[in-house]
Amino acid sequence: MNWHDKVALITGGSSGVGLSFARRLSQAGAYVALVARQMSGLEEAARQLGTKRVTLFPLDVGDRESLLALPRRIYEQLGEIDMLVNNAGVNHRGAFETRSAAQVAQILDVNLVAPVLLTHAALPFLSTGASVINVASLAGKVPVPHEATYSATKSGLRAFSRALEREHTGLRVLTVCPGPIQTPFLAEIDAVPNMVFSQPISAPDEVVDAALRALEQNQSEVDVPKLSGKLATLGYLFPALMRAAAPLLERRGAINKRKYLRAALAAR
């Protein structure tokens, strides 16, 4: 696909998958509107990208007034938006009853409410044939214990994407469902459920490459890695099978988690 002089709006853009999207698209000649909470993080991201095709928008997607005004601001500065990447995300891991109401609300606001509202606000400013990429998760197919709210938001984002695609046939709508990604989300290793580590960990570039390939092929959803996606789909279709396999996956994940922790400590 030709992204030269196109405009991409990317939330959660200062690191991980968002930064990888920005790198790929700016290298292809696109103008990137990069959104994240802290200007310091955005400035470091811009330094890494090393291009003048990036415009920084420090903004908390949980701030609804600022979020709803964002597409018009970008339109006025850069023109019509050709790609919207709803990537910003947050998670507070742990048993549901141990999470505070504020933590639960933040997960809901950032992971689900914000992408729905931002997409709604962006519709008048999207170009003909524009793309909307929603970064969900395999946890949206197979809910993960101790990540109940997070799983709920990613499941909801998948449903929103599918309905949006059918309503707006002029839009390309893609849902990206990664398994674990090597990002700051995995920084607090002890809090990550063993189940997460039962699957291979992908690099942000792998997720973005898969997303852009899927977009070119007019796919509606892509799983990363593919095999993990097939397993998640089986678990989604046959919940009893997933419950039976869960102890094995937990044990496998615990082993992989220890290996990951040792490797992380050795790399310091």
C-alpha atoms as a PDB file:
ATOM      1  CA  MET A   1       0.000   0.000   0.000  1.00  0.00           C
ATOM      2  CA  ASN A   2       1.187   3.508  -0.775  1.00  0.00           C
ATOM      3  CA  TRP A   3       1.460   5.552   2.415  1.00  0.00           C
ATOM      4  CA  HIS A   4       3.431   8.449   0.932  1.00  0.00           C
ATOM      5  CA  ASP A   5       2.004  11.772   2.184  1.00  0.00           C
ATOM      6  CA  LYS A   6      -0.847   9.974   3.971  1.00  0.00           C
ATOM      7  CA  VAL A   7      -1.775  10.901   7.546  1.00  0.00           C
ATOM      8  CA  ALA A   8      -1.820   8.392  10.393  1.00  0.00           C
ATOM      9  CA  LEU A   9      -3.150   9.017  13.903  1.00  0.00           C
ATOM     10  CA  ILE A  10      -1.612   6.641  16.456  1.00  0.00           C
ATOM     11  CA  THR A  11      -2.507   6.493  20.142  1.00  0.00           C
ATOM     12  CA  GLY A  12      -0.134   4.951  22.650  1.00  0.00           C
ATOM     13  CA  GLY A  13       2.565   6.038  20.256  1.00  0.00           C
ATOM     14  CA  SER A  14       5.579   6.667  22.477  1.00  0.00           C
ATOM     15  CA  SER A  15       6.675   3.035  22.815  1.00  0.00           C
ATOM     16  CA  GLY A  16       5.974  -0.572  21.864  1.00  0.00           C
ATOM     17  CA  VAL A  17       3.504  -1.320  19.082  1.00  0.00           C
ATOM     18  CA  GLY A  18       2.493   2.330  18.653  1.00  0.00           C
ATOM     19  CA  LEU A  19       6.080   3.440  18.128  1.00  0.00           C
ATOM     20  CA  SER A  20       6.640   0.557  15.717  1.00  0.00           C
ATOM     21  CA  PHE A  21       3.601   1.637  13.682  1.00  0.00           C
ATOM     22  CA  ALA A  22       4.982   5.179  13.613  1.00  0.00           C
ATOM     23  CA  ARG A  23       8.371   3.964  12.415  1.00  0.00           C
ATOM     24  CA  ARG A  24       6.955   1.792   9.636  1.00  0.00           C
ATOM     25  CA  LEU A  25       4.557   4.433   8.363  1.00  0.00           C
ATOM     26  CA  SER A  26       6.929   7.397   8.554  1.00  0.00           C
ATOM     27  CA  GLN A  27       9.576   5.368   6.721  1.00  0.00           C
ATOM     28  CA  ALA A  28       6.943   4.785   4.029  1.00  0.00           C
ATOM     29  CA  GLY A  29       6.481   8.551   3.715  1.00  0.00           C
ATOM     30  CA  ALA A  30       3.416   9.060   5.896  1.00  0.00           C
ATOM     31  CA  TYR A  31       2.829  11.963   8.245  1.00  0.00           C
ATOM     32  CA  VAL A  32       2.248  10.646  11.748  1.00  0.00           C
ATOM     33  CA  ALA A  33       0.221  12.251  14.525  1.00  0.00           C
ATOM     34  CA  LEU A  34       1.698  10.603  17.597  1.00  0.00           C
ATOM     35  CA  VAL A  35      -0.383  10.566  20.786  1.00  0.00           C
ATOM     36  CA  ALA A  36       0.691   9.646  24.321  1.00  0.00           C
ATOM     37  CA  ARG A  37       0.205  10.997  27.815  1.00  0.00           C
ATOM     38  CA  GLN A  38       3.646  12.476  28.430  1.00  0.00           C
ATOM     39  CA  MET A  39       5.444  14.950  26.191  1.00  0.00           C
ATOM     40  CA  SER A  40       8.788  13.595  27.452  1.00  0.00           C
ATOM     41  CA  GLY A  41       7.951  10.141  26.105  1.00  0.00           C
ATOM     42  CA  LEU A  42       6.765  11.583  22.798  1.00  0.00           C
ATOM     43  CA  GLU A  43       9.916  13.645  22.420  1.00  0.00           C
ATOM     44  CA  GLU A  44      12.071  10.559  23.014  1.00  0.00           C
ATOM     45  CA  ALA A  45       9.995   8.660  20.453  1.00  0.00           C
ATOM     46  CA  ALA A  46      10.461  11.471  17.927  1.00  0.00           C
ATOM     47  CA  ARG A  47      14.205  11.425  18.583  1.00  0.00           C
ATOM     48  CA  GLN A  48      14.289   7.687  17.876  1.00  0.00           C
ATOM     49  CA  LEU A  49      12.239   8.081  14.704  1.00  0.00           C
ATOM     50  CA  GLY A  50      14.520  10.848  13.453  1.00  0.00           C
ATOM     51  CA  THR A  51      12.021  12.350  11.010  1.00  0.00           C
ATOM     52  CA  LYS A  52      10.172  15.638  10.612  1.00  0.00           C
ATOM     53  CA  ARG A  53       7.072  13.740   9.511  1.00  0.00           C
ATOM     54  CA  VAL A  54       5.981  13.241  13.133  1.00  0.00           C
ATOM     55  CA  THR A  55       3.745  15.693  15.007  1.00  0.00           C
ATOM     56  CA  LEU A  56       3.401  15.228  18.754  1.00  0.00           C
ATOM     57  CA  PHE A  57       0.114  15.409  20.639  1.00  0.00           C
ATOM     58  CA  PRO A  58       0.498  14.927  24.420  1.00  0.00           C
ATOM     59  CA  LEU A  59      -2.918  13.765  25.572  1.00  0.00           C
ATOM     60  CA  ASP A  60      -4.486  11.323  28.016  1.00  0.00           C
ATOM     61  CA  VAL A  61      -7.080   9.329  26.056  1.00  0.00           C
ATOM     62  CA  GLY A  62      -9.074   9.112  29.277  1.00  0.00           C
ATOM     63  CA  ASP A  63      -9.655  12.883  29.031  1.00  0.00           C
ATOM     64  CA  ARG A  64     -12.836  12.765  26.951  1.00  0.00           C
ATOM     65  CA  GLU A  65     -13.044  16.461  26.120  1.00  0.00           C
ATOM     66  CA  SER A  66      -9.476  16.535  24.775  1.00  0.00           C
ATOM     67  CA  LEU A  67      -9.928  13.192  23.012  1.00  0.00           C
ATOM     68  CA  LEU A  68     -13.044  14.300  21.151  1.00  0.00           C
ATOM     69  CA  ALA A  69     -11.308  17.482  19.988  1.00  0.00           C
ATOM     70  CA  LEU A  70      -8.224  15.628  18.738  1.00  0.00           C
ATOM     71  CA  PRO A  71      -9.306  14.610  15.198  1.00  0.00           C
ATOM     72  CA  ARG A  72     -10.219  18.186  14.271  1.00  0.00           C
ATOM     73  CA  ARG A  73      -6.870  19.429  15.589  1.00  0.00           C
ATOM     74  CA  ILE A  74      -5.058  16.883  13.430  1.00  0.00           C
ATOM     75  CA  TYR A  75      -7.218  17.684  10.393  1.00  0.00           C
ATOM     76  CA  GLU A  76      -6.440  21.387  10.749  1.00  0.00           C
ATOM     77  CA  GLN A  77      -2.694  20.752  11.004  1.00  0.00           C
ATOM     78  CA  LEU A  78      -2.150  17.769   8.686  1.00  0.00           C
ATOM     79  CA  GLY A  79      -5.286  17.248   6.609  1.00  0.00           C
ATOM     80  CA  GLU A  80      -7.601  14.263   6.277  1.00  0.00           C
ATOM     81  CA  ILE A  81      -6.754  11.209   8.359  1.00  0.00           C
ATOM     82  CA  ASP A  82      -5.983   8.094   6.315  1.00  0.00           C
ATOM     83  CA  MET A  83      -5.277   5.698   9.181  1.00  0.00           C
ATOM     84  CA  LEU A  84      -6.442   5.629  12.782  1.00  0.00           C
ATOM     85  CA  VAL A  85      -4.571   3.222  15.068  1.00  0.00           C
ATOM     86  CA  ASN A  86      -6.313   2.743  18.423  1.00  0.00           C
ATOM     87  CA  ASN A  87      -3.383   1.286  20.320  1.00  0.00           C
ATOM     88  CA  ALA A  88      -3.316   2.996  23.741  1.00  0.00           C
ATOM     89  CA  GLY A  89      -3.876   0.488  26.518  1.00  0.00           C
ATOM     90  CA  VAL A  90      -3.561  -0.043  30.238  1.00  0.00           C
ATOM     91  CA  ASN A  91      -3.832  -3.012  32.567  1.00  0.00           C
ATOM     92  CA  HIS A  92      -3.946  -3.509  36.327  1.00  0.00           C
ATOM     93  CA  ARG A  93      -3.369  -7.203  36.907  1.00  0.00           C
ATOM     94  CA  GLY A  94      -4.632  -9.119  39.890  1.00  0.00           C
ATOM     95  CA  ALA A  95      -7.779 -10.757  41.208  1.00  0.00           C
ATOM     96  CA  PHE A  96     -10.807  -8.659  40.277  1.00  0.00           C
ATOM     97  CA  GLU A  97     -11.898  -8.064  43.859  1.00  0.00           C
ATOM     98  CA  THR A  98      -8.455  -6.677  44.744  1.00  0.00           C
ATOM     99  CA  ARG A  99      -8.572  -3.976  42.055  1.00  0.00           C
ATOM    100  CA  SER A 100      -9.872  -0.568  43.065  1.00  0.00           C
ATOM    101  CA  ALA A 101     -12.880   0.965  41.340  1.00  0.00           C
ATOM    102  CA  ALA A 102     -10.556   3.620  39.907  1.00  0.00           C
ATOM    103  CA  GLN A 103      -8.312   0.956  38.377  1.00  0.00           C
ATOM    104  CA  VAL A 104     -11.250  -0.898  36.852  1.00  0.00           C
ATOM    105  CA  ALA A 105     -12.650   2.360  35.453  1.00  0.00           C
ATOM    106  CA  GLN A 106      -9.285   3.315  33.952  1.00  0.00           C
ATOM    107  CA  ILE A 107      -8.985   0.000  32.106  1.00  0.00           C
ATOM    108  CA  LEU A 108     -12.491   0.438  30.710  1.00  0.00           C
ATOM    109  CA  ASP A 109     -11.918   4.068  29.731  1.00  0.00           C
ATOM    110  CA  VAL A 110      -8.528   3.637  28.067  1.00  0.00           C
ATOM    111  CA  ASN A 111      -8.995   0.265  26.383  1.00  0.00           C
ATOM    112  CA  LEU A 112     -12.611   0.457  25.218  1.00  0.00           C
ATOM    113  CA  VAL A 113     -14.342   3.793  25.739  1.00  0.00           C
ATOM    114  CA  ALA A 114     -11.468   5.835  24.282  1.00  0.00           C
ATOM    115  CA  PRO A 115     -11.124   3.933  20.977  1.00  0.00           C
ATOM    116  CA  VAL A 116     -14.896   3.966  20.450  1.00  0.00           C
ATOM    117  CA  LEU A 117     -15.163   7.696  21.147  1.00  0.00           C
ATOM    118  CA  LEU A 118     -12.059   8.588  19.148  1.00  0.00           C
ATOM    119  CA  THR A 119     -13.283   6.619  16.148  1.00  0.00           C
ATOM    120  CA  HIS A 120     -16.656   8.357  16.395  1.00  0.00           C
ATOM    121  CA  ALA A 121     -15.018  11.782  16.576  1.00  0.00           C
ATOM    122  CA  ALA A 122     -12.648  10.959  13.705  1.00  0.00           C
ATOM    123  CA  LEU A 123     -15.283   9.781  11.206  1.00  0.00           C
ATOM    124  CA  PRO A 124     -15.945  13.259   9.709  1.00  0.00           C
ATOM    125  CA  PHE A 125     -12.207  13.752   9.193  1.00  0.00           C
ATOM    126  CA  LEU A 126     -11.325  10.386   7.644  1.00  0.00           C
ATOM    127  CA  SER A 127     -10.413  10.199   3.977  1.00  0.00           C
ATOM    128  CA  THR A 128     -12.302   7.989   1.531  1.00  0.00           C
ATOM    129  CA  GLY A 129     -11.121   4.407   2.029  1.00  0.00           C
ATOM    130  CA  ALA A 130      -9.409   5.209   5.329  1.00  0.00           C
ATOM    131  CA  SER A 131      -8.244   2.448   7.662  1.00  0.00           C
ATOM    132  CA  VAL A 132      -9.103   1.927  11.332  1.00  0.00           C
ATOM    133  CA  ILE A 133      -6.842  -0.474  13.192  1.00  0.00           C
ATOM    134  CA  ASN A 134      -7.948  -1.536  16.665  1.00  0.00           C
ATOM    135  CA  VAL A 135      -5.311  -3.296  18.754  1.00  0.00           C
ATOM    136  CA  ALA A 136      -7.179  -5.863  20.834  1.00  0.00           C
ATOM    137  CA  SER A 137      -5.707  -9.068  22.281  1.00  0.00           C
ATOM    138  CA  LEU A 138      -6.017 -12.840  22.299  1.00  0.00           C
ATOM    139  CA  ALA A 139      -7.335 -12.230  25.818  1.00  0.00           C
ATOM    140  CA  GLY A 140     -10.406 -10.866  24.043  1.00  0.00           C
ATOM    141  CA  LYS A 141     -11.026 -14.373  22.687  1.00  0.00           C
ATOM    142  CA  VAL A 142     -10.035 -16.410  25.721  1.00  0.00           C
ATOM    143  CA  PRO A 143     -10.460 -14.373  28.934  1.00  0.00           C
ATOM    144  CA  VAL A 144      -7.485 -14.597  31.273  1.00  0.00           C
ATOM    145  CA  PRO A 145      -7.977 -14.989  35.058  1.00  0.00           C
ATOM    146  CA  HIS A 146      -6.625 -12.026  37.034  1.00  0.00           C
ATOM    147  CA  GLU A 147      -7.153  -9.891  33.921  1.00  0.00           C
ATOM    148  CA  ALA A 148     -10.955  -9.964  33.882  1.00  0.00           C
ATOM    149  CA  THR A 149     -11.546  -6.296  33.072  1.00  0.00           C
ATOM    150  CA  TYR A 150      -8.744  -6.188  30.521  1.00  0.00           C
ATOM    151  CA  SER A 151     -10.161  -9.265  28.777  1.00  0.00           C
ATOM    152  CA  ALA A 152     -13.618  -7.687  28.763  1.00  0.00           C
ATOM    153  CA  THR A 153     -12.355  -4.516  27.089  1.00  0.00           C
ATOM    154  CA  LYS A 154     -10.492  -6.413  24.379  1.00  0.00           C
ATOM    155  CA  SER A 155     -13.521  -8.599  23.682  1.00  0.00           C
ATOM    156  CA  GLY A 156     -15.648  -5.471  23.417  1.00  0.00           C
ATOM    157  CA  LEU A 157     -13.152  -3.854  21.055  1.00  0.00           C
ATOM    158  CA  ARG A 158     -13.346  -6.885  18.754  1.00  0.00           C
ATOM    159  CA  ALA A 159     -17.154  -6.654  18.700  1.00  0.00           C
ATOM    160  CA  PHE A 160     -17.031  -2.924  18.002  1.00  0.00           C
ATOM    161  CA  SER A 161     -14.644  -3.454  15.088  1.00  0.00           C
ATOM    162  CA  ARG A 162     -16.836  -6.069  13.437  1.00  0.00           C
ATOM    163  CA  ALA A 163     -19.984  -3.991  13.732  1.00  0.00           C
ATOM    164  CA  LEU A 164     -18.199  -0.850  12.513  1.00  0.00           C
ATOM    165  CA  GLU A 165     -16.923  -2.672   9.440  1.00  0.00           C
ATOM    166  CA  ARG A 166     -20.441  -3.715   8.477  1.00  0.00           C
ATOM    167  CA  GLU A 167     -21.892  -0.245   9.091  1.00  0.00           C
ATOM    168  CA  HIS A 168     -19.191   1.663   7.193  1.00  0.00           C
ATOM    169  CA  THR A 169     -18.354  -0.297   4.081  1.00  0.00           C
ATOM    170  CA  GLY A 170     -16.097   2.525   2.885  1.00  0.00           C
ATOM    171  CA  LEU A 171     -13.750   1.947   5.832  1.00  0.00           C
ATOM    172  CA  ARG A 172     -11.123  -0.728   6.181  1.00  0.00           C
ATOM    173  CA  VAL A 173     -11.468  -1.967   9.757  1.00  0.00           C
ATOM    174  CA  LEU A 174      -8.852  -4.343  11.122  1.00  0.00           C
ATOM    175  CA  THR A 175      -8.670  -5.907  14.575  1.00  0.00           C
ATOM    176  CA  VAL A 176      -5.207  -6.992  15.691  1.00  0.00           C
ATOM    177  CA  CYS A 177      -5.162  -9.681  18.401  1.00  0.00           C
ATOM    178  CA  PRO A 178      -1.652 -10.204  19.754  1.00  0.00           C
ATOM    179  CA  GLY A 179      -0.599 -12.593  22.446  1.00  0.00           C
ATOM    180  CA  PRO A 180       2.105 -11.384  24.851  1.00  0.00           C
ATOM    181  CA  ILE A 181       4.310  -8.624  23.408  1.00  0.00           C
ATOM    182  CA  GLN A 182       7.753  -7.557  24.489  1.00  0.00           C
ATOM    183  CA  THR A 183       6.656  -4.139  25.780  1.00  0.00           C
ATOM    184  CA  PRO A 184       6.494  -2.307  29.135  1.00  0.00           C
ATOM    185  CA  PHE A 185       3.280  -4.306  29.729  1.00  0.00           C
ATOM    186  CA  LEU A 186       5.567  -7.190  30.729  1.00  0.00           C
ATOM    187  CA  ALA A 187       7.775  -5.068  32.972  1.00  0.00           C
ATOM    188  CA  GLU A 188       6.180  -6.297  36.214  1.00  0.00           C
ATOM    189  CA  ILE A 189       6.793  -9.964  35.513  1.00  0.00           C
ATOM    190  CA  ASP A 190       5.610 -11.278  38.881  1.00  0.00           C
ATOM    191  CA  ALA A 191       2.126  -9.853  38.305  1.00  0.00           C
ATOM    192  CA  VAL A 192       1.719 -11.392  34.859  1.00  0.00           C
ATOM    193  CA  PRO A 193      -0.453 -14.549  34.978  1.00  0.00           C
ATOM    194  CA  ASN A 194       1.345 -17.785  34.092  1.00  0.00           C
ATOM    195  CA  MET A 195      -1.228 -18.367  31.354  1.00  0.00           C
ATOM    196  CA  VAL A 196       0.175 -15.396  29.425  1.00  0.00           C
ATOM    197  CA  PHE A 197       3.618 -16.999  29.253  1.00  0.00           C
ATOM    198  CA  SER A 198       2.199 -20.222  27.841  1.00  0.00           C
ATOM    199  CA  GLN A 199       2.398 -18.541  24.417  1.00  0.00           C
ATOM    200  CA  PRO A 200       5.390 -17.133  22.484  1.00  0.00           C
ATOM    201  CA  ILE A 201       6.261 -13.500  23.102  1.00  0.00           C
ATOM    202  CA  SER A 202       6.209 -11.342  19.962  1.00  0.00           C
ATOM    203  CA  ALA A 203       8.271  -8.244  19.224  1.00  0.00           C
ATOM    204  CA  PRO A 204       6.314  -5.046  18.455  1.00  0.00           C
ATOM    205  CA  ASP A 205       7.642  -5.064  14.875  1.00  0.00           C
ATOM    206  CA  GLU A 206       6.202  -8.552  14.357  1.00  0.00           C
ATOM    207  CA  VAL A 207       2.766  -7.335  15.399  1.00  0.00           C
ATOM    208  CA  VAL A 208       2.936  -4.306  13.107  1.00  0.00           C
ATOM    209  CA  ASP A 209       4.224  -6.305  10.132  1.00  0.00           C
ATOM    210  CA  ALA A 210       1.355  -8.780  10.540  1.00  0.00           C
ATOM    211  CA  ALA A 211      -1.156  -5.925  10.829  1.00  0.00           C
ATOM    212  CA  LEU A 212       0.031  -4.144   7.687  1.00  0.00           C
ATOM    213  CA  ARG A 213       0.060  -7.401   5.700  1.00  0.00           C
ATOM    214  CA  ALA A 214      -3.480  -8.144   6.872  1.00  0.00           C
ATOM    215  CA  LEU A 215      -4.584  -4.641   5.890  1.00  0.00           C
ATOM    216  CA  GLU A 216      -3.177  -5.081   2.394  1.00  0.00           C
ATOM    217  CA  GLN A 217      -5.038  -8.391   2.089  1.00  0.00           C
ATOM    218  CA  ASN A 218      -8.327  -6.824   3.267  1.00  0.00           C
ATOM    219  CA  GLN A 219      -8.541  -9.085   6.301  1.00  0.00           C
ATOM    220  CA  SER A 220     -10.841  -8.157   9.158  1.00  0.00           C
ATOM    221  CA  GLU A 221      -8.779  -9.689  11.972  1.00  0.00           C
ATOM    222  CA  VAL A 222      -5.280 -11.005  12.458  1.00  0.00           C
ATOM    223  CA  ASP A 223      -3.797 -13.001  15.350  1.00  0.00           C
ATOM    224  CA  VAL A 224      -0.142 -12.807  16.399  1.00  0.00           C
ATOM    225  CA  PRO A 225       1.322 -15.418  16.515  1.00  0.00           C
ATOM    226  CA  LYS A 226      -0.952 -17.353  14.150  1.00  0.00           C
ATOM    227  CA  LEU A 227      -0.740 -20.640  16.078  1.00  0.00           C
ATOM    228  CA  SER A 228      -1.641 -18.922  19.343  1.00  0.00           C
ATOM    229  CA  GLY A 229      -4.585 -17.388  17.533  1.00  0.00           C
ATOM    230  CA  LYS A 230      -5.795 -20.799  16.383  1.00  0.00           C
ATOM    231  CA  LEU A 231      -5.543 -22.113  19.944  1.00  0.00           C
ATOM    232  CA  ALA A 232      -7.415 -19.097  21.253  1.00  0.00           C
ATOM    233  CA  THR A 233     -10.146 -19.587  18.665  1.00  0.00           C
ATOM    234  CA  LEU A 234     -10.541 -23.214  19.747  1.00  0.00           C
ATOM    235  CA  GLY A 235     -10.781 -22.089  23.358  1.00  0.00           C
ATOM    236  CA  TYR A 236     -13.359 -19.463  22.382  1.00  0.00           C
ATOM    237  CA  LEU A 237     -15.511 -21.951  20.472  1.00  0.00           C
ATOM    238  CA  PHE A 238     -15.150 -24.780  22.989  1.00  0.00           C
ATOM    239  CA  PRO A 239     -14.953 -23.355  26.542  1.00  0.00           C
ATOM    240  CA  ALA A 240     -14.952 -26.843  28.106  1.00  0.00           C
ATOM    241  CA  LEU A 241     -11.844 -27.712  26.095  1.00  0.00           C
ATOM    242  CA  MET A 242     -10.165 -24.540  27.339  1.00  0.00           C
ATOM    243  CA  ARG A 243     -10.994 -25.375  30.962  1.00  0.00           C
ATOM    244  CA  ALA A 244      -9.535 -28.848  30.497  1.00  0.00           C
ATOM    245  CA  ALA A 245      -6.350 -27.502  28.907  1.00  0.00           C
ATOM    246  CA  ALA A 246      -5.879 -24.645  31.407  1.00  0.00           C
ATOM    247  CA  PRO A 247      -3.818 -26.600  34.011  1.00  0.00           C
ATOM    248  CA  LEU A 248      -1.369 -27.730  31.313  1.00  0.00           C
ATOM    249  CA  LEU A 249      -1.066 -24.208  29.937  1.00  0.00           C
ATOM    250  CA  GLU A 250      -0.560 -22.833  33.460  1.00  0.00           C
ATOM    251  CA  ARG A 251       2.317 -25.262  34.091  1.00  0.00           C
ATOM    252  CA  ARG A 252       3.883 -24.500  30.731  1.00  0.00           C
ATOM    253  CA  GLY A 253       3.509 -20.795  31.385  1.00  0.00           C
ATOM    254  CA  ALA A 254       5.137 -21.055  34.822  1.00  0.00           C
ATOM    255  CA  ILE A 255       8.187 -22.743  33.279  1.00  0.00           C
ATOM    256  CA  ASN A 256       8.431 -20.154  30.509  1.00  0.00           C
ATOM    257  CA  LYS A 257       7.968 -17.349  33.000  1.00  0.00           C
ATOM    258  CA  ARG A 258      10.943 -18.534  35.047  1.00  0.00           C
ATOM    259  CA  LYS A 259      13.056 -18.767  31.880  1.00  0.00           C
ATOM    260  CA  TYR A 260      11.976 -15.288  30.824  1.00  0.00           C
ATOM    261  CA  LEU A 261      12.814 -13.878  34.245  1.00  0.00           C
ATOM    262  CA  ARG A 262      16.270 -15.493  34.248  1.00  0.00           C
ATOM    263  CA  ALA A 263      16.973 -14.127  30.772  1.00  0.00           C
ATOM    264  CA  ALA A 264      15.802 -10.658  31.777  1.00  0.00           C
ATOM    265  CA  LEU A 265      18.036 -10.663  34.851  1.00  0.00           C
ATOM    266  CA  ALA A 266      21.011 -11.908  32.839  1.00  0.00           C
ATOM    267  CA  ALA A 267      20.532  -9.115  30.300  1.00  0.00           C
ATOM    268  CA  ARG A 268      20.818  -6.391  32.930  1.00  0.00           C
END
